[in-house]
Amino acid sequence: MAADKKTVGEKLRELRESYDLTQGQVAEALNINRSSYTSYEIGRSQPNLDAVVKLAHIFKVPPEYLLPQDSQESLSLRDIARGDSLLQTLSKDERGLIVLYRSLDSDARAKIREEMGILAKKQS
């Protein structure tokens, strides 16, 4: 299976094993029970945004690496690099935020936009 076609669970298992960690150790780092983490690896459930960010930190990978690749709205850094010239000027952190934003459902996106508006008003 090509690297970019792996499921989130396959990526998590490979990363965990490459760090010689148990599922329990990763679950403990995420502050969840082992069975919840196991469900990520076997594909029964997907990690939420907070878990994706924590997992990315644990395994020292960009958060977008751990996002599902089959989503129509999933946006990889490779897609960004090929895209609009404005997107090419964004920092790695900014591109990562776009990828994470695109992984959210419409309700979560609306909440993010609302919070950003509130923060922007506080800054001005």
N, C-alpha and C. Protein backbone atom coordinates (compact mmCIF):
# COMPACT_ATOMS: atom_id res chain seq x y z
N MET A 1 0.85 -1.17 0.00
CA MET A 1 0.00 0.00 0.00
C MET A 1 0.89 1.23 0.00
N ALA A 2 0.61 2.21 -0.86
CA ALA A 2 1.42 3.42 -0.95
C ALA A 2 1.30 4.22 0.34
N ALA A 3 2.37 4.94 0.67
CA ALA A 3 2.42 5.66 1.94
C ALA A 3 1.25 6.62 2.09
N ASP A 4 0.86 7.32 1.02
CA ASP A 4 -0.21 8.30 1.13
C ASP A 4 -1.59 7.67 1.06
N LYS A 5 -1.68 6.36 0.86
CA LYS A 5 -2.96 5.66 0.80
C LYS A 5 -3.24 4.88 2.07
N LYS A 6 -2.37 4.96 3.06
CA LYS A 6 -2.57 4.24 4.31
C LYS A 6 -3.71 4.87 5.09
N THR A 7 -4.41 4.05 5.82
CA THR A 7 -5.46 4.57 6.69
C THR A 7 -4.82 5.27 7.89
N VAL A 8 -5.61 6.05 8.58
CA VAL A 8 -5.13 6.71 9.79
C VAL A 8 -4.65 5.66 10.78
N GLY A 9 -5.42 4.59 10.93
CA GLY A 9 -5.04 3.52 11.86
C GLY A 9 -3.72 2.87 11.50
N GLU A 10 -3.51 2.62 10.21
CA GLU A 10 -2.24 2.02 9.78
C GLU A 10 -1.07 2.95 10.08
N LYS A 11 -1.28 4.23 9.84
CA LYS A 11 -0.21 5.19 10.13
C LYS A 11 0.09 5.23 11.63
N LEU A 12 -0.97 5.25 12.44
CA LEU A 12 -0.77 5.28 13.89
C LEU A 12 -0.03 4.03 14.38
N ARG A 13 -0.44 2.87 13.89
CA ARG A 13 0.22 1.63 14.32
C ARG A 13 1.70 1.65 13.94
N GLU A 14 2.00 2.04 12.70
CA GLU A 14 3.40 2.09 12.25
C GLU A 14 4.21 3.07 13.07
N LEU A 15 3.65 4.25 13.32
CA LEU A 15 4.36 5.25 14.12
C LEU A 15 4.60 4.74 15.54
N ARG A 16 3.55 4.18 16.14
CA ARG A 16 3.67 3.67 17.51
C ARG A 16 4.74 2.60 17.60
N GLU A 17 4.71 1.67 16.65
CA GLU A 17 5.69 0.59 16.66
C GLU A 17 7.10 1.11 16.40
N SER A 18 7.22 2.14 15.56
CA SER A 18 8.55 2.69 15.28
C SER A 18 9.15 3.36 16.52
N TYR A 19 8.29 3.82 17.42
CA TYR A 19 8.75 4.41 18.68
C TYR A 19 8.81 3.37 19.80
N ASP A 20 8.49 2.12 19.46
CA ASP A 20 8.51 1.02 20.41
C ASP A 20 7.63 1.31 21.62
N LEU A 21 6.42 1.81 21.34
CA LEU A 21 5.45 2.12 22.38
C LEU A 21 4.32 1.11 22.34
N THR A 22 3.68 0.90 23.48
CA THR A 22 2.49 0.07 23.52
C THR A 22 1.27 0.95 23.27
N GLN A 23 0.16 0.32 22.95
CA GLN A 23 -1.08 1.07 22.80
C GLN A 23 -1.44 1.76 24.13
N GLY A 24 -1.18 1.08 25.21
CA GLY A 24 -1.46 1.65 26.53
C GLY A 24 -0.65 2.91 26.81
N GLN A 25 0.61 2.91 26.39
CA GLN A 25 1.46 4.09 26.61
C GLN A 25 0.95 5.29 25.80
N VAL A 26 0.57 5.04 24.56
CA VAL A 26 0.05 6.13 23.74
C VAL A 26 -1.28 6.61 24.30
N ALA A 27 -2.13 5.68 24.70
CA ALA A 27 -3.42 6.06 25.29
C ALA A 27 -3.21 6.91 26.54
N GLU A 28 -2.25 6.53 27.35
CA GLU A 28 -1.97 7.29 28.57
C GLU A 28 -1.51 8.71 28.22
N ALA A 29 -0.67 8.84 27.21
CA ALA A 29 -0.21 10.17 26.78
C ALA A 29 -1.37 11.03 26.26
N LEU A 30 -2.38 10.38 25.70
CA LEU A 30 -3.56 11.09 25.20
C LEU A 30 -4.62 11.30 26.28
N ASN A 31 -4.40 10.66 27.44
CA ASN A 31 -5.36 10.71 28.55
C ASN A 31 -6.70 10.08 28.16
N ILE A 32 -6.61 8.95 27.45
CA ILE A 32 -7.79 8.16 27.09
C ILE A 32 -7.51 6.71 27.49
N ASN A 33 -8.55 5.86 27.45
CA ASN A 33 -8.30 4.46 27.77
C ASN A 33 -7.74 3.73 26.55
N ARG A 34 -7.08 2.60 26.82
CA ARG A 34 -6.41 1.86 25.76
C ARG A 34 -7.38 1.42 24.68
N SER A 35 -8.58 1.02 25.06
CA SER A 35 -9.53 0.54 24.06
C SER A 35 -9.94 1.66 23.10
N SER A 36 -10.00 2.88 23.59
CA SER A 36 -10.30 4.01 22.69
C SER A 36 -9.18 4.20 21.68
N TYR A 37 -7.93 4.13 22.16
CA TYR A 37 -6.81 4.26 21.23
C TYR A 37 -6.79 3.10 20.24
N THR A 38 -7.03 1.89 20.74
CA THR A 38 -7.04 0.72 19.87
C THR A 38 -8.06 0.89 18.75
N SER A 39 -9.20 1.51 19.07
CA SER A 39 -10.23 1.72 18.04
C SER A 39 -9.74 2.64 16.94
N TYR A 40 -8.81 3.55 17.24
CA TYR A 40 -8.20 4.38 16.19
C TYR A 40 -7.37 3.50 15.26
N GLU A 41 -6.55 2.64 15.84
CA GLU A 41 -5.65 1.82 15.03
C GLU A 41 -6.40 0.82 14.16
N ILE A 42 -7.50 0.29 14.66
CA ILE A 42 -8.23 -0.70 13.86
C ILE A 42 -9.27 -0.06 12.96
N GLY A 43 -9.41 1.26 13.05
CA GLY A 43 -10.32 1.96 12.15
C GLY A 43 -11.76 1.99 12.59
N ARG A 44 -12.04 1.60 13.82
CA ARG A 44 -13.40 1.64 14.33
C ARG A 44 -13.85 3.08 14.58
N SER A 45 -12.90 3.94 14.94
CA SER A 45 -13.21 5.36 15.14
C SER A 45 -12.01 6.18 14.71
N GLN A 46 -12.22 7.48 14.57
CA GLN A 46 -11.17 8.41 14.19
C GLN A 46 -10.85 9.31 15.38
N PRO A 47 -9.58 9.66 15.55
CA PRO A 47 -9.25 10.60 16.63
C PRO A 47 -9.85 11.97 16.35
N ASN A 48 -10.28 12.64 17.41
CA ASN A 48 -10.79 14.00 17.23
C ASN A 48 -9.62 14.95 17.00
N LEU A 49 -9.93 16.20 16.74
CA LEU A 49 -8.89 17.18 16.40
C LEU A 49 -7.85 17.31 17.50
N ASP A 50 -8.29 17.35 18.74
CA ASP A 50 -7.36 17.46 19.86
C ASP A 50 -6.41 16.26 19.90
N ALA A 51 -6.96 15.08 19.69
CA ALA A 51 -6.13 13.87 19.69
C ALA A 51 -5.15 13.87 18.51
N VAL A 52 -5.60 14.34 17.35
CA VAL A 52 -4.71 14.41 16.19
C VAL A 52 -3.51 15.30 16.50
N VAL A 53 -3.76 16.44 17.10
CA VAL A 53 -2.67 17.37 17.43
C VAL A 53 -1.72 16.73 18.44
N LYS A 54 -2.26 16.07 19.47
CA LYS A 54 -1.42 15.41 20.47
C LYS A 54 -0.61 14.27 19.85
N LEU A 55 -1.27 13.47 19.01
CA LEU A 55 -0.57 12.36 18.35
C LEU A 55 0.54 12.88 17.46
N ALA A 56 0.27 13.95 16.73
CA ALA A 56 1.29 14.53 15.87
C ALA A 56 2.50 14.97 16.70
N HIS A 57 2.24 15.52 17.86
CA HIS A 57 3.33 15.95 18.74
C HIS A 57 4.11 14.73 19.26
N ILE A 58 3.39 13.73 19.69
CA ILE A 58 4.04 12.52 20.22
C ILE A 58 4.95 11.89 19.16
N PHE A 59 4.43 11.77 17.93
CA PHE A 59 5.16 11.07 16.88
C PHE A 59 5.99 11.99 15.98
N LYS A 60 5.98 13.28 16.32
CA LYS A 60 6.80 14.26 15.59
C LYS A 60 6.51 14.23 14.08
N VAL A 61 5.21 14.30 13.76
CA VAL A 61 4.77 14.38 12.37
C VAL A 61 3.81 15.56 12.26
N PRO A 62 3.62 16.12 11.06
CA PRO A 62 2.63 17.18 10.90
C PRO A 62 1.23 16.63 11.14
N PRO A 63 0.35 17.40 11.77
CA PRO A 63 -1.01 16.90 12.04
C PRO A 63 -1.72 16.41 10.77
N GLU A 64 -1.49 17.06 9.66
CA GLU A 64 -2.18 16.67 8.43
C GLU A 64 -1.82 15.25 7.98
N TYR A 65 -0.67 14.75 8.41
CA TYR A 65 -0.29 13.37 8.09
C TYR A 65 -1.28 12.38 8.70
N LEU A 66 -1.88 12.75 9.82
CA LEU A 66 -2.78 11.85 10.54
C LEU A 66 -4.25 12.05 10.18
N LEU A 67 -4.53 12.91 9.23
CA LEU A 67 -5.91 13.12 8.81
C LEU A 67 -6.30 12.11 7.75
N PRO A 68 -7.58 11.76 7.70
CA PRO A 68 -8.02 10.81 6.67
C PRO A 68 -7.73 11.35 5.27
N GLN A 69 -7.23 10.49 4.40
CA GLN A 69 -6.89 10.91 3.05
C GLN A 69 -8.04 10.72 2.07
N ASP A 70 -9.12 10.06 2.49
CA ASP A 70 -10.21 9.81 1.57
C ASP A 70 -11.28 10.90 1.59
N SER A 71 -11.13 11.86 2.48
CA SER A 71 -12.10 12.94 2.56
C SER A 71 -11.95 13.86 1.36
N GLN A 72 -13.05 14.25 0.75
CA GLN A 72 -13.00 15.16 -0.38
C GLN A 72 -12.40 16.50 0.02
N GLU A 73 -12.58 16.86 1.27
CA GLU A 73 -12.09 18.15 1.72
C GLU A 73 -10.72 18.07 2.36
N SER A 74 -10.13 16.88 2.39
CA SER A 74 -8.79 16.74 2.93
C SER A 74 -7.81 17.45 2.02
N LEU A 75 -6.91 18.20 2.60
CA LEU A 75 -5.96 18.99 1.84
C LEU A 75 -4.56 18.69 2.33
N SER A 76 -3.73 18.15 1.47
CA SER A 76 -2.37 17.83 1.87
C SER A 76 -1.44 18.98 1.55
N LEU A 77 -0.27 18.96 2.13
CA LEU A 77 0.71 19.99 1.81
C LEU A 77 1.08 19.93 0.34
N ARG A 78 1.08 18.74 -0.24
CA ARG A 78 1.37 18.60 -1.67
C ARG A 78 0.31 19.34 -2.48
N ASP A 79 -0.96 19.22 -2.08
CA ASP A 79 -2.04 19.94 -2.77
C ASP A 79 -1.84 21.44 -2.66
N ILE A 80 -1.44 21.89 -1.47
CA ILE A 80 -1.23 23.32 -1.27
C ILE A 80 -0.09 23.81 -2.15
N ALA A 81 0.99 23.05 -2.21
CA ALA A 81 2.15 23.46 -3.00
C ALA A 81 1.79 23.61 -4.48
N ARG A 82 0.86 22.82 -4.94
CA ARG A 82 0.44 22.89 -6.34
C ARG A 82 -0.60 23.97 -6.57
N GLY A 83 -1.16 24.48 -5.51
CA GLY A 83 -2.31 25.36 -5.61
C GLY A 83 -1.98 26.83 -5.81
N ASP A 84 -2.89 27.61 -5.40
CA ASP A 84 -2.87 29.06 -5.53
C ASP A 84 -1.58 29.67 -4.97
N SER A 85 -1.08 30.70 -5.64
CA SER A 85 0.18 31.31 -5.20
C SER A 85 0.07 31.91 -3.81
N LEU A 86 -1.10 32.37 -3.41
CA LEU A 86 -1.28 32.88 -2.06
C LEU A 86 -1.03 31.78 -1.04
N LEU A 87 -1.54 30.60 -1.32
CA LEU A 87 -1.33 29.48 -0.41
C LEU A 87 0.15 29.13 -0.29
N GLN A 88 0.89 29.32 -1.37
CA GLN A 88 2.31 28.99 -1.35
C GLN A 88 3.10 29.92 -0.43
N THR A 89 2.54 31.07 -0.11
CA THR A 89 3.24 32.01 0.76
C THR A 89 3.00 31.74 2.24
N LEU A 90 2.10 30.82 2.55
CA LEU A 90 1.79 30.54 3.94
C LEU A 90 2.90 29.75 4.61
N SER A 91 3.05 29.99 5.91
CA SER A 91 4.02 29.23 6.69
C SER A 91 3.53 27.80 6.88
N LYS A 92 4.40 26.94 7.34
CA LYS A 92 4.02 25.55 7.60
C LYS A 92 2.89 25.49 8.63
N ASP A 93 2.98 26.31 9.67
CA ASP A 93 1.92 26.35 10.69
C ASP A 93 0.59 26.78 10.08
N GLU A 94 0.62 27.79 9.24
CA GLU A 94 -0.61 28.27 8.60
C GLU A 94 -1.20 27.21 7.69
N ARG A 95 -0.36 26.53 6.93
CA ARG A 95 -0.85 25.46 6.06
C ARG A 95 -1.46 24.34 6.90
N GLY A 96 -0.81 24.02 8.02
CA GLY A 96 -1.34 22.99 8.90
C GLY A 96 -2.71 23.35 9.45
N LEU A 97 -2.90 24.63 9.78
CA LEU A 97 -4.20 25.09 10.27
C LEU A 97 -5.27 24.95 9.20
N ILE A 98 -4.91 25.24 7.96
CA ILE A 98 -5.87 25.08 6.87
C ILE A 98 -6.26 23.62 6.72
N VAL A 99 -5.28 22.75 6.78
CA VAL A 99 -5.56 21.32 6.66
C VAL A 99 -6.49 20.87 7.79
N LEU A 100 -6.20 21.28 9.01
CA LEU A 100 -7.05 20.90 10.14
C LEU A 100 -8.45 21.49 9.99
N TYR A 101 -8.54 22.75 9.58
CA TYR A 101 -9.84 23.40 9.38
C TYR A 101 -10.66 22.63 8.35
N ARG A 102 -10.03 22.24 7.28
CA ARG A 102 -10.73 21.51 6.21
C ARG A 102 -11.20 20.14 6.67
N SER A 103 -10.61 19.61 7.72
CA SER A 103 -11.01 18.29 8.21
C SER A 103 -12.25 18.36 9.10
N LEU A 104 -12.66 19.56 9.47
CA LEU A 104 -13.79 19.75 10.38
C LEU A 104 -15.12 19.73 9.64
N ASP A 105 -16.20 19.40 10.37
CA ASP A 105 -17.52 19.50 9.76
C ASP A 105 -17.96 20.97 9.78
N SER A 106 -19.06 21.27 9.14
CA SER A 106 -19.48 22.67 8.97
C SER A 106 -19.77 23.35 10.30
N ASP A 107 -20.32 22.63 11.27
CA ASP A 107 -20.59 23.23 12.58
C ASP A 107 -19.30 23.63 13.29
N ALA A 108 -18.32 22.75 13.25
CA ALA A 108 -17.04 23.05 13.89
C ALA A 108 -16.36 24.22 13.19
N ARG A 109 -16.45 24.27 11.86
CA ARG A 109 -15.88 25.40 11.12
C ARG A 109 -16.52 26.71 11.53
N ALA A 110 -17.84 26.70 11.69
CA ALA A 110 -18.54 27.91 12.11
C ALA A 110 -18.06 28.37 13.48
N LYS A 111 -17.86 27.42 14.41
CA LYS A 111 -17.37 27.76 15.74
C LYS A 111 -15.97 28.36 15.67
N ILE A 112 -15.12 27.80 14.81
CA ILE A 112 -13.76 28.32 14.66
C ILE A 112 -13.80 29.75 14.13
N ARG A 113 -14.62 29.99 13.11
CA ARG A 113 -14.72 31.35 12.55
C ARG A 113 -15.23 32.33 13.60
N GLU A 114 -16.19 31.91 14.40
CA GLU A 114 -16.72 32.76 15.45
C GLU A 114 -15.64 33.10 16.47
N GLU A 115 -14.91 32.08 16.93
CA GLU A 115 -13.84 32.30 17.90
C GLU A 115 -12.73 33.20 17.33
N MET A 116 -12.41 33.00 16.06
CA MET A 116 -11.37 33.83 15.44
C MET A 116 -11.84 35.29 15.38
N GLY A 117 -13.11 35.50 15.11
CA GLY A 117 -13.65 36.86 15.10
C GLY A 117 -13.54 37.51 16.47
N ILE A 118 -13.86 36.76 17.49
CA ILE A 118 -13.76 37.27 18.87
C ILE A 118 -12.31 37.61 19.20
N LEU A 119 -11.39 36.71 18.87
CA LEU A 119 -9.97 36.97 19.14
C LEU A 119 -9.46 38.18 18.35
N ALA A 120 -9.88 38.30 17.12
CA ALA A 120 -9.44 39.44 16.29
C ALA A 120 -9.92 40.77 16.88
N LYS A 121 -11.15 40.79 17.40
CA LYS A 121 -11.68 42.01 18.02
C LYS A 121 -10.88 42.37 19.26
N LYS A 122 -10.48 41.35 20.03
CA LYS A 122 -9.68 41.59 21.24
C LYS A 122 -8.31 42.15 20.89
N GLN A 123 -7.77 41.75 19.73
CA GLN A 123 -6.45 42.21 19.31
C GLN A 123 -6.45 43.65 18.82
N SER A 124 -7.59 44.11 18.36
CA SER A 124 -7.62 45.48 17.79
C SER A 124 -7.99 46.52 18.79
